[in-house]
Amino acid sequence: MTPDDNDIVYSQYTPDFLGLFRRAIEALSGSDITADRIMSFLFIAWDVFSVIAFILSALFIVGIIYSYIRMGQLSEVEAAAMEEEEKRWKERHKHDTENKRWAEIKKRVESVSPNDWKMAIIEADIMLGEVLANAGFVGVSIGDQLKSASASNIKTIQDAWDAHKVRNQIAHEGSDFILTQGMAQAALIKYERVFHEFGAL
């Protein structure tokens, strides 16, 4: 019987992948390999792979959780260090005139060190809190003081909010927050507008 156009003709040169796999296993094991043994081997290999994949996934998840916790702890340490630095600076300059303090702050932002730029913002924010307190705005934090104010009694209230927001990003985001010198200078300009409105400079 001759094949017609609808018959599938298998070439003797078609690669026999299953046969190659069987011969490879036989060469390694030295015994005859049947289709059942091959399937059994594949099932076992899949089970081993699944277990390894599960263990690796669990380790990755644990690593992610650990990294997240460590980042939170680092942020807390940075925030505590910043608060301590604020206290020391406030104690050191409590008898200075506002103009002298402001000159030192502006000098910091002209530095080439990003840490100096951050300290300039922090120190300017301390001044802002004192200026608002002296003006009669009460609150546990500067945010509370600004919430008790409005555009009717502080013309530069938006400047105060914008500048204070930069300080909060420095305090709460830690090293994740990238402060450029331009951002620091812009924030100081806004602080300065508020200080001029209250006659602090």
N, C-alpha and C. Protein backbone atom coordinates (compact mmCIF):
# COMPACT_ATOMS: atom_id res chain seq x y z
N MET A 1 0.85 -1.20 0.00
CA MET A 1 0.00 0.00 0.00
C MET A 1 0.89 1.24 0.00
N THR A 2 0.64 2.10 -0.97
CA THR A 2 1.47 3.31 -1.07
C THR A 2 0.79 4.45 -0.35
N PRO A 3 1.54 5.29 0.30
CA PRO A 3 0.93 6.41 1.03
C PRO A 3 0.37 7.44 0.08
N ASP A 4 -0.78 8.00 0.44
CA ASP A 4 -1.33 9.10 -0.37
C ASP A 4 -0.93 10.42 0.26
N ASP A 5 -1.52 11.52 -0.24
CA ASP A 5 -1.13 12.86 0.22
C ASP A 5 -1.54 13.12 1.65
N ASN A 6 -2.52 12.36 2.17
CA ASN A 6 -3.02 12.61 3.53
C ASN A 6 -2.26 11.83 4.59
N ASP A 7 -1.43 10.90 4.17
CA ASP A 7 -0.68 10.11 5.14
C ASP A 7 0.50 10.90 5.68
N ILE A 8 0.81 10.65 6.93
CA ILE A 8 1.99 11.26 7.54
C ILE A 8 3.15 10.29 7.40
N VAL A 9 4.16 10.74 6.76
CA VAL A 9 5.32 9.90 6.53
C VAL A 9 6.40 10.29 7.51
N TYR A 10 6.82 9.37 8.35
CA TYR A 10 7.85 9.65 9.33
C TYR A 10 9.22 9.37 8.72
N SER A 11 10.07 10.33 8.83
CA SER A 11 11.41 10.17 8.29
C SER A 11 12.26 9.39 9.27
N GLN A 12 13.11 8.56 8.76
CA GLN A 12 14.01 7.82 9.63
C GLN A 12 15.06 8.73 10.26
N TYR A 13 15.12 9.95 9.74
CA TYR A 13 16.09 10.91 10.27
C TYR A 13 15.50 11.84 11.33
N THR A 14 14.19 11.64 11.66
CA THR A 14 13.57 12.45 12.71
C THR A 14 14.24 12.15 14.05
N PRO A 15 14.68 13.17 14.80
CA PRO A 15 15.37 12.91 16.08
C PRO A 15 14.48 12.17 17.06
N ASP A 16 14.99 11.13 17.66
CA ASP A 16 14.26 10.36 18.67
C ASP A 16 14.72 10.84 20.05
N PHE A 17 14.07 11.94 20.53
CA PHE A 17 14.49 12.55 21.79
C PHE A 17 14.30 11.59 22.97
N LEU A 18 13.19 10.84 22.95
CA LEU A 18 12.96 9.91 24.05
C LEU A 18 14.01 8.82 24.06
N GLY A 19 14.37 8.36 22.86
CA GLY A 19 15.40 7.33 22.77
C GLY A 19 16.75 7.84 23.23
N LEU A 20 17.06 9.07 22.85
CA LEU A 20 18.33 9.67 23.29
C LEU A 20 18.36 9.80 24.81
N PHE A 21 17.23 10.22 25.37
CA PHE A 21 17.16 10.38 26.83
C PHE A 21 17.33 9.02 27.51
N ARG A 22 16.66 7.98 26.95
CA ARG A 22 16.74 6.65 27.52
C ARG A 22 18.18 6.12 27.49
N ARG A 23 18.85 6.32 26.34
CA ARG A 23 20.22 5.82 26.22
C ARG A 23 21.16 6.56 27.16
N ALA A 24 20.91 7.85 27.35
CA ALA A 24 21.74 8.62 28.27
C ALA A 24 21.60 8.11 29.69
N ILE A 25 20.34 7.82 30.10
CA ILE A 25 20.10 7.30 31.44
C ILE A 25 20.71 5.91 31.59
N GLU A 26 20.56 5.10 30.54
CA GLU A 26 21.13 3.76 30.59
C GLU A 26 22.64 3.80 30.73
N ALA A 27 23.26 4.74 30.00
CA ALA A 27 24.72 4.85 30.07
C ALA A 27 25.16 5.24 31.47
N LEU A 28 24.35 6.08 32.14
CA LEU A 28 24.72 6.53 33.48
C LEU A 28 24.42 5.47 34.54
N SER A 29 23.30 4.75 34.34
CA SER A 29 22.89 3.80 35.38
C SER A 29 23.37 2.38 35.10
N GLY A 30 23.66 2.09 33.84
CA GLY A 30 24.12 0.75 33.50
C GLY A 30 23.01 -0.27 33.47
N SER A 31 21.75 0.13 33.40
CA SER A 31 20.62 -0.82 33.34
C SER A 31 19.64 -0.36 32.29
N ASP A 32 18.77 -1.27 31.89
CA ASP A 32 17.77 -0.94 30.88
C ASP A 32 16.75 0.04 31.45
N ILE A 33 16.38 1.00 30.63
CA ILE A 33 15.43 2.02 31.06
C ILE A 33 14.15 1.87 30.25
N THR A 34 13.05 1.75 30.94
CA THR A 34 11.75 1.66 30.28
C THR A 34 11.04 3.00 30.38
N ALA A 35 9.95 3.12 29.62
CA ALA A 35 9.16 4.36 29.65
C ALA A 35 8.63 4.62 31.05
N ASP A 36 8.24 3.56 31.75
CA ASP A 36 7.72 3.73 33.12
C ASP A 36 8.80 4.27 34.05
N ARG A 37 10.00 3.74 33.88
CA ARG A 37 11.09 4.23 34.73
C ARG A 37 11.41 5.70 34.42
N ILE A 38 11.33 6.03 33.14
CA ILE A 38 11.60 7.43 32.77
C ILE A 38 10.56 8.35 33.40
N MET A 39 9.27 7.96 33.30
CA MET A 39 8.21 8.78 33.88
C MET A 39 8.34 8.87 35.39
N SER A 40 8.73 7.75 36.00
CA SER A 40 8.92 7.75 37.45
C SER A 40 10.05 8.69 37.84
N PHE A 41 11.13 8.65 37.03
CA PHE A 41 12.26 9.55 37.31
C PHE A 41 11.83 11.00 37.16
N LEU A 42 11.05 11.29 36.12
CA LEU A 42 10.61 12.68 35.90
C LEU A 42 9.72 13.16 37.03
N PHE A 43 8.84 12.28 37.51
CA PHE A 43 7.97 12.67 38.62
C PHE A 43 8.79 12.96 39.88
N ILE A 44 9.77 12.11 40.14
CA ILE A 44 10.63 12.34 41.31
C ILE A 44 11.41 13.64 41.15
N ALA A 45 11.96 13.86 39.93
CA ALA A 45 12.71 15.09 39.68
C ALA A 45 11.83 16.31 39.88
N TRP A 46 10.57 16.21 39.42
CA TRP A 46 9.65 17.34 39.59
C TRP A 46 9.35 17.60 41.06
N ASP A 47 9.17 16.51 41.81
CA ASP A 47 8.91 16.68 43.25
C ASP A 47 10.10 17.35 43.94
N VAL A 48 11.32 16.91 43.59
CA VAL A 48 12.53 17.52 44.18
C VAL A 48 12.62 18.98 43.80
N PHE A 49 12.36 19.26 42.51
CA PHE A 49 12.40 20.66 42.05
C PHE A 49 11.38 21.52 42.78
N SER A 50 10.17 20.96 42.99
CA SER A 50 9.11 21.71 43.68
C SER A 50 9.52 22.03 45.11
N VAL A 51 10.11 21.06 45.79
CA VAL A 51 10.55 21.29 47.17
C VAL A 51 11.64 22.36 47.22
N ILE A 52 12.62 22.25 46.32
CA ILE A 52 13.70 23.25 46.29
C ILE A 52 13.14 24.64 45.98
N ALA A 53 12.23 24.70 45.01
CA ALA A 53 11.63 26.00 44.64
C ALA A 53 10.86 26.59 45.82
N PHE A 54 10.14 25.73 46.56
CA PHE A 54 9.38 26.20 47.72
C PHE A 54 10.32 26.75 48.80
N ILE A 55 11.41 26.01 49.05
CA ILE A 55 12.37 26.46 50.07
C ILE A 55 13.00 27.79 49.67
N LEU A 56 13.40 27.91 48.40
CA LEU A 56 14.02 29.15 47.93
C LEU A 56 13.03 30.31 48.00
N SER A 57 11.78 30.05 47.63
CA SER A 57 10.76 31.11 47.70
C SER A 57 10.56 31.56 49.14
N ALA A 58 10.52 30.59 50.07
CA ALA A 58 10.36 30.93 51.49
C ALA A 58 11.54 31.76 51.98
N LEU A 59 12.75 31.38 51.55
CA LEU A 59 13.94 32.14 51.96
C LEU A 59 13.90 33.55 51.41
N PHE A 60 13.46 33.71 50.15
CA PHE A 60 13.36 35.05 49.56
C PHE A 60 12.34 35.90 50.32
N ILE A 61 11.21 35.30 50.68
CA ILE A 61 10.18 36.03 51.41
C ILE A 61 10.72 36.47 52.77
N VAL A 62 11.39 35.55 53.46
CA VAL A 62 11.99 35.89 54.77
C VAL A 62 13.01 37.02 54.60
N GLY A 63 13.81 36.94 53.53
CA GLY A 63 14.80 37.99 53.29
C GLY A 63 14.17 39.34 53.05
N ILE A 64 13.07 39.35 52.29
CA ILE A 64 12.36 40.61 52.03
C ILE A 64 11.79 41.19 53.31
N ILE A 65 11.16 40.33 54.12
CA ILE A 65 10.59 40.80 55.40
C ILE A 65 11.69 41.33 56.32
N TYR A 66 12.81 40.62 56.39
CA TYR A 66 13.93 41.06 57.24
C TYR A 66 14.47 42.41 56.77
N SER A 67 14.61 42.56 55.45
CA SER A 67 15.12 43.83 54.91
C SER A 67 14.17 44.98 55.23
N TYR A 68 12.86 44.71 55.13
CA TYR A 68 11.87 45.74 55.42
C TYR A 68 11.95 46.16 56.89
N ILE A 69 12.09 45.16 57.78
CA ILE A 69 12.18 45.47 59.21
C ILE A 69 13.45 46.26 59.51
N ARG A 70 14.57 45.86 58.91
CA ARG A 70 15.84 46.55 59.14
C ARG A 70 15.78 47.99 58.63
N MET A 71 15.12 48.19 57.49
CA MET A 71 14.97 49.55 56.97
C MET A 71 14.16 50.41 57.93
N GLY A 72 13.11 49.82 58.51
CA GLY A 72 12.31 50.56 59.48
C GLY A 72 13.13 50.91 60.71
N GLN A 73 13.93 49.96 61.18
CA GLN A 73 14.77 50.21 62.34
C GLN A 73 15.81 51.29 62.04
N LEU A 74 16.38 51.25 60.84
CA LEU A 74 17.36 52.26 60.46
C LEU A 74 16.73 53.64 60.41
N SER A 75 15.51 53.72 59.89
CA SER A 75 14.82 55.00 59.83
C SER A 75 14.56 55.54 61.24
N GLU A 76 14.22 54.64 62.16
CA GLU A 76 13.99 55.07 63.55
C GLU A 76 15.28 55.59 64.18
N VAL A 77 16.40 54.91 63.90
CA VAL A 77 17.69 55.35 64.44
C VAL A 77 18.05 56.72 63.87
N GLU A 78 17.85 56.89 62.57
CA GLU A 78 18.17 58.17 61.93
C GLU A 78 17.28 59.28 62.48
N ALA A 79 15.99 58.97 62.70
CA ALA A 79 15.08 59.97 63.24
C ALA A 79 15.49 60.37 64.66
N ALA A 80 15.88 59.38 65.48
CA ALA A 80 16.31 59.67 66.85
C ALA A 80 17.59 60.50 66.85
N ALA A 81 18.52 60.18 65.97
CA ALA A 81 19.77 60.95 65.87
C ALA A 81 19.48 62.39 65.44
N MET A 82 18.52 62.53 64.54
CA MET A 82 18.16 63.86 64.08
C MET A 82 17.52 64.69 65.21
N GLU A 83 16.66 64.06 65.98
CA GLU A 83 16.04 64.77 67.11
C GLU A 83 17.09 65.20 68.13
N GLU A 84 18.06 64.32 68.37
CA GLU A 84 19.13 64.65 69.32
C GLU A 84 19.97 65.82 68.81
N GLU A 85 20.24 65.80 67.50
CA GLU A 85 21.01 66.89 66.91
C GLU A 85 20.23 68.19 66.98
N GLU A 86 18.91 68.13 66.78
CA GLU A 86 18.08 69.31 66.89
C GLU A 86 18.14 69.90 68.31
N LYS A 87 18.08 69.03 69.31
CA LYS A 87 18.14 69.49 70.70
C LYS A 87 19.48 70.17 71.00
N ARG A 88 20.57 69.54 70.53
CA ARG A 88 21.89 70.12 70.77
C ARG A 88 22.03 71.48 70.09
N TRP A 89 21.54 71.55 68.86
CA TRP A 89 21.65 72.82 68.12
C TRP A 89 20.82 73.91 68.81
N LYS A 90 19.62 73.55 69.24
CA LYS A 90 18.75 74.52 69.90
C LYS A 90 19.36 75.02 71.21
N GLU A 91 19.98 74.12 71.96
CA GLU A 91 20.62 74.50 73.21
C GLU A 91 21.84 75.38 72.95
N ARG A 92 22.57 75.05 71.90
CA ARG A 92 23.79 75.80 71.58
C ARG A 92 23.50 77.22 71.11
N HIS A 93 22.35 77.41 70.47
CA HIS A 93 22.05 78.71 69.87
C HIS A 93 20.88 79.44 70.53
N LYS A 94 20.49 79.01 71.72
CA LYS A 94 19.31 79.62 72.33
C LYS A 94 19.54 81.08 72.70
N HIS A 95 20.79 81.50 72.86
CA HIS A 95 21.07 82.89 73.22
C HIS A 95 21.52 83.73 72.02
N ASP A 96 21.60 83.11 70.86
CA ASP A 96 22.01 83.84 69.66
C ASP A 96 20.86 84.68 69.12
N THR A 97 21.18 85.73 68.42
CA THR A 97 20.15 86.51 67.73
C THR A 97 19.69 85.73 66.51
N GLU A 98 18.47 86.03 66.05
CA GLU A 98 17.92 85.31 64.90
C GLU A 98 18.78 85.52 63.66
N ASN A 99 19.30 86.74 63.50
CA ASN A 99 20.12 87.03 62.32
C ASN A 99 21.39 86.18 62.31
N LYS A 100 21.99 85.99 63.47
CA LYS A 100 23.20 85.19 63.56
C LYS A 100 22.90 83.72 63.25
N ARG A 101 21.80 83.24 63.80
CA ARG A 101 21.41 81.87 63.53
C ARG A 101 21.10 81.67 62.06
N TRP A 102 20.40 82.62 61.48
CA TRP A 102 20.03 82.51 60.08
C TRP A 102 21.27 82.56 59.18
N ALA A 103 22.23 83.35 59.54
CA ALA A 103 23.48 83.42 58.76
C ALA A 103 24.20 82.07 58.78
N GLU A 104 24.18 81.41 59.94
CA GLU A 104 24.83 80.10 60.03
C GLU A 104 24.08 79.06 59.20
N ILE A 105 22.75 79.16 59.21
CA ILE A 105 21.94 78.23 58.41
C ILE A 105 22.22 78.42 56.93
N LYS A 106 22.27 79.65 56.48
CA LYS A 106 22.53 79.92 55.07
C LYS A 106 23.93 79.49 54.67
N LYS A 107 24.85 79.57 55.61
CA LYS A 107 26.21 79.11 55.34
C LYS A 107 26.23 77.59 55.13
N ARG A 108 25.41 76.88 55.89
CA ARG A 108 25.34 75.42 55.75
C ARG A 108 24.87 75.01 54.35
N VAL A 109 23.88 75.73 53.83
CA VAL A 109 23.32 75.33 52.55
C VAL A 109 24.26 75.66 51.39
N GLU A 110 25.26 76.48 51.64
CA GLU A 110 26.26 76.78 50.62
C GLU A 110 27.38 75.75 50.61
N SER A 111 27.34 74.83 51.56
CA SER A 111 28.34 73.77 51.63
C SER A 111 28.18 72.79 50.46
N VAL A 112 29.18 71.95 50.29
CA VAL A 112 29.10 70.91 49.25
C VAL A 112 28.59 69.59 49.83
N SER A 113 28.33 69.57 51.12
CA SER A 113 27.90 68.34 51.80
C SER A 113 26.38 68.25 51.89
N PRO A 114 25.77 67.18 51.38
CA PRO A 114 24.32 66.99 51.52
C PRO A 114 23.86 66.96 52.98
N ASN A 115 24.72 66.48 53.88
CA ASN A 115 24.34 66.47 55.30
C ASN A 115 24.18 67.88 55.84
N ASP A 116 25.01 68.79 55.36
CA ASP A 116 24.88 70.19 55.77
C ASP A 116 23.59 70.79 55.24
N TRP A 117 23.20 70.41 54.03
CA TRP A 117 21.94 70.92 53.48
C TRP A 117 20.76 70.45 54.32
N LYS A 118 20.81 69.17 54.73
CA LYS A 118 19.73 68.64 55.57
C LYS A 118 19.69 69.35 56.92
N MET A 119 20.86 69.58 57.51
CA MET A 119 20.89 70.26 58.80
C MET A 119 20.40 71.70 58.67
N ALA A 120 20.66 72.32 57.54
CA ALA A 120 20.18 73.69 57.32
C ALA A 120 18.65 73.72 57.36
N ILE A 121 18.03 72.75 56.71
CA ILE A 121 16.57 72.67 56.71
C ILE A 121 16.04 72.40 58.12
N ILE A 122 16.68 71.47 58.82
CA ILE A 122 16.25 71.12 60.17
C ILE A 122 16.35 72.32 61.11
N GLU A 123 17.46 73.03 61.02
CA GLU A 123 17.66 74.19 61.89
C GLU A 123 16.69 75.32 61.54
N ALA A 124 16.41 75.51 60.25
CA ALA A 124 15.44 76.52 59.84
C ALA A 124 14.06 76.16 60.35
N ASP A 125 13.74 74.86 60.40
CA ASP A 125 12.44 74.43 60.88
C ASP A 125 12.30 74.66 62.38
N ILE A 126 13.41 74.51 63.10
CA ILE A 126 13.39 74.82 64.54
C ILE A 126 13.06 76.29 64.73
N MET A 127 13.70 77.14 63.94
CA MET A 127 13.41 78.58 64.01
C MET A 127 11.95 78.85 63.69
N LEU A 128 11.42 78.13 62.69
CA LEU A 128 10.02 78.33 62.33
C LEU A 128 9.10 78.02 63.50
N GLY A 129 9.38 76.92 64.20
CA GLY A 129 8.57 76.57 65.36
C GLY A 129 8.62 77.65 66.44
N GLU A 130 9.80 78.20 66.67
CA GLU A 130 9.94 79.25 67.69
C GLU A 130 9.22 80.52 67.26
N VAL A 131 9.33 80.86 65.98
CA VAL A 131 8.67 82.07 65.48
C VAL A 131 7.15 81.93 65.59
N LEU A 132 6.62 80.78 65.25
CA LEU A 132 5.18 80.56 65.35
C LEU A 132 4.71 80.58 66.80
N ALA A 133 5.52 79.99 67.68
CA ALA A 133 5.17 79.99 69.11
C ALA A 133 5.16 81.40 69.66
N ASN A 134 6.16 82.19 69.28
CA ASN A 134 6.22 83.57 69.75
C ASN A 134 5.07 84.40 69.21
N ALA A 135 4.55 83.99 68.03
CA ALA A 135 3.43 84.71 67.44
C ALA A 135 2.08 84.26 68.02
N GLY A 136 2.10 83.27 68.91
CA GLY A 136 0.88 82.84 69.59
C GLY A 136 0.20 81.63 68.99
N PHE A 137 0.86 80.97 68.06
CA PHE A 137 0.27 79.77 67.46
C PHE A 137 0.68 78.55 68.30
N VAL A 138 -0.29 77.88 68.87
CA VAL A 138 0.00 76.79 69.79
C VAL A 138 -0.11 75.44 69.07
N GLY A 139 0.58 74.47 69.63
CA GLY A 139 0.54 73.12 69.07
C GLY A 139 1.74 72.33 69.53
N VAL A 140 1.57 71.01 69.59
CA VAL A 140 2.67 70.14 70.01
C VAL A 140 3.77 70.13 68.96
N SER A 141 3.39 70.21 67.71
CA SER A 141 4.35 70.19 66.61
C SER A 141 4.14 71.40 65.71
N ILE A 142 5.06 71.61 64.81
CA ILE A 142 4.92 72.71 63.86
C ILE A 142 3.71 72.49 62.97
N GLY A 143 3.46 71.23 62.63
CA GLY A 143 2.26 70.92 61.85
C GLY A 143 1.00 71.37 62.57
N ASP A 144 0.93 71.13 63.89
CA ASP A 144 -0.23 71.57 64.67
C ASP A 144 -0.33 73.09 64.69
N GLN A 145 0.82 73.76 64.82
CA GLN A 145 0.83 75.22 64.82
C GLN A 145 0.30 75.77 63.50
N LEU A 146 0.74 75.18 62.41
CA LEU A 146 0.29 75.65 61.10
C LEU A 146 -1.18 75.34 60.85
N LYS A 147 -1.67 74.24 61.41
CA LYS A 147 -3.09 73.90 61.26
C LYS A 147 -3.98 74.91 61.97
N SER A 148 -3.45 75.51 63.04
CA SER A 148 -4.24 76.50 63.78
C SER A 148 -4.20 77.87 63.11
N ALA A 149 -3.41 77.99 62.03
CA ALA A 149 -3.30 79.25 61.31
C ALA A 149 -4.06 79.17 60.00
N SER A 150 -4.12 80.27 59.31
CA SER A 150 -4.78 80.32 58.01
C SER A 150 -4.15 81.44 57.18
N ALA A 151 -4.55 81.54 55.92
CA ALA A 151 -3.99 82.57 55.04
C ALA A 151 -4.39 83.97 55.49
N SER A 152 -5.43 84.05 56.33
CA SER A 152 -5.87 85.36 56.79
C SER A 152 -4.95 85.94 57.86
N ASN A 153 -4.27 85.08 58.64
CA ASN A 153 -3.36 85.60 59.66
C ASN A 153 -1.89 85.28 59.37
N ILE A 154 -1.62 84.44 58.37
CA ILE A 154 -0.25 84.24 57.90
C ILE A 154 -0.28 84.26 56.37
N LYS A 155 0.23 85.31 55.80
CA LYS A 155 0.20 85.43 54.34
C LYS A 155 1.10 84.38 53.68
N THR A 156 2.16 84.03 54.37
CA THR A 156 3.13 83.08 53.80
C THR A 156 2.91 81.66 54.32
N ILE A 157 1.67 81.33 54.66
CA ILE A 157 1.41 80.01 55.26
C ILE A 157 1.74 78.88 54.29
N GLN A 158 1.51 79.10 52.98
CA GLN A 158 1.84 78.04 52.03
C GLN A 158 3.35 77.82 51.95
N ASP A 159 4.12 78.92 52.04
CA ASP A 159 5.57 78.78 52.08
C ASP A 159 6.00 77.98 53.31
N ALA A 160 5.35 78.25 54.44
CA ALA A 160 5.68 77.54 55.67
C ALA A 160 5.38 76.05 55.53
N TRP A 161 4.23 75.73 54.95
CA TRP A 161 3.87 74.32 54.76
C TRP A 161 4.85 73.62 53.82
N ASP A 162 5.17 74.30 52.70
CA ASP A 162 6.06 73.69 51.71
C ASP A 162 7.44 73.42 52.30
N ALA A 163 7.97 74.39 53.04
CA ALA A 163 9.30 74.22 53.64
C ALA A 163 9.28 73.15 54.72
N HIS A 164 8.22 73.15 55.53
CA HIS A 164 8.11 72.16 56.61
C HIS A 164 7.97 70.74 56.03
N LYS A 165 7.33 70.64 54.87
CA LYS A 165 7.19 69.33 54.23
C LYS A 165 8.56 68.75 53.87
N VAL A 166 9.48 69.60 53.44
CA VAL A 166 10.83 69.13 53.11
C VAL A 166 11.50 68.59 54.36
N ARG A 167 11.34 69.32 55.47
CA ARG A 167 11.92 68.86 56.74
C ARG A 167 11.36 67.50 57.13
N ASN A 168 10.06 67.30 56.95
CA ASN A 168 9.44 66.02 57.31
C ASN A 168 9.96 64.89 56.43
N GLN A 169 10.20 65.18 55.16
CA GLN A 169 10.75 64.15 54.27
C GLN A 169 12.15 63.75 54.72
N ILE A 170 12.92 64.71 55.16
CA ILE A 170 14.27 64.42 55.66
C ILE A 170 14.17 63.54 56.91
N ALA A 171 13.23 63.89 57.81
CA ALA A 171 13.12 63.19 59.09
C ALA A 171 12.54 61.79 58.94
N HIS A 172 11.54 61.65 58.08
CA HIS A 172 10.80 60.39 58.03
C HIS A 172 11.31 59.43 56.96
N GLU A 173 11.86 59.93 55.89
CA GLU A 173 12.33 59.05 54.82
C GLU A 173 13.81 58.72 54.94
N GLY A 174 14.52 59.46 55.78
CA GLY A 174 15.93 59.17 56.03
C GLY A 174 16.76 59.20 54.77
N SER A 175 17.60 58.18 54.60
CA SER A 175 18.51 58.14 53.46
C SER A 175 17.79 57.89 52.15
N ASP A 176 16.51 57.47 52.20
CA ASP A 176 15.76 57.26 50.97
C ASP A 176 15.40 58.58 50.29
N PHE A 177 15.38 59.65 51.06
CA PHE A 177 15.03 60.96 50.51
C PHE A 177 16.30 61.64 49.98
N ILE A 178 16.30 61.96 48.71
CA ILE A 178 17.45 62.62 48.08
C ILE A 178 17.20 64.12 48.05
N LEU A 179 17.94 64.84 48.88
CA LEU A 179 17.83 66.29 48.93
C LEU A 179 18.93 66.91 48.09
N THR A 180 18.54 67.69 47.10
CA THR A 180 19.54 68.39 46.29
C THR A 180 19.81 69.76 46.89
N GLN A 181 20.89 70.36 46.49
CA GLN A 181 21.21 71.70 46.99
C GLN A 181 20.17 72.71 46.54
N GLY A 182 19.68 72.53 45.30
CA GLY A 182 18.64 73.44 44.80
C GLY A 182 17.37 73.35 45.62
N MET A 183 16.98 72.13 46.01
CA MET A 183 15.79 71.96 46.85
C MET A 183 15.99 72.61 48.22
N ALA A 184 17.18 72.45 48.78
CA ALA A 184 17.47 73.05 50.08
C ALA A 184 17.43 74.58 50.01
N GLN A 185 18.01 75.14 48.96
CA GLN A 185 18.01 76.59 48.80
C GLN A 185 16.59 77.12 48.61
N ALA A 186 15.79 76.39 47.83
CA ALA A 186 14.40 76.82 47.61
C ALA A 186 13.61 76.79 48.91
N ALA A 187 13.85 75.76 49.74
CA ALA A 187 13.15 75.67 51.02
C ALA A 187 13.55 76.81 51.95
N LEU A 188 14.85 77.16 51.95
CA LEU A 188 15.30 78.25 52.81
C LEU A 188 14.69 79.58 52.38
N ILE A 189 14.51 79.78 51.09
CA ILE A 189 13.87 81.01 50.61
C ILE A 189 12.45 81.11 51.17
N LYS A 190 11.76 79.97 51.22
CA LYS A 190 10.39 79.97 51.75
C LYS A 190 10.39 80.22 53.27
N TYR A 191 11.33 79.60 53.97
CA TYR A 191 11.46 79.89 55.40
C TYR A 191 11.72 81.39 55.61
N GLU A 192 12.60 81.93 54.80
CA GLU A 192 12.98 83.34 54.96
C GLU A 192 11.79 84.27 54.75
N ARG A 193 10.92 83.94 53.81
CA ARG A 193 9.72 84.76 53.59
C ARG A 193 8.84 84.78 54.83
N VAL A 194 8.69 83.61 55.46
CA VAL A 194 7.88 83.53 56.68
C VAL A 194 8.52 84.36 57.79
N PHE A 195 9.84 84.24 57.95
CA PHE A 195 10.53 84.96 59.00
C PHE A 195 10.43 86.47 58.80
N HIS A 196 10.50 86.91 57.54
CA HIS A 196 10.37 88.34 57.26
C HIS A 196 8.96 88.83 57.60
N GLU A 197 7.96 88.00 57.32
CA GLU A 197 6.59 88.41 57.62
C GLU A 197 6.41 88.66 59.13
N PHE A 198 7.07 87.81 59.94
CA PHE A 198 6.92 87.95 61.39
C PHE A 198 7.98 88.87 62.00
N GLY A 199 8.83 89.44 61.16
CA GLY A 199 9.85 90.36 61.66
C GLY A 199 10.95 89.65 62.41
N ALA A 200 11.15 88.36 62.14
CA ALA A 200 12.19 87.61 62.84
C ALA A 200 13.56 87.84 62.23
N LEU A 201 13.62 88.41 61.03
CA LEU A 201 14.91 88.69 60.39
C LEU A 201 14.99 90.18 60.03
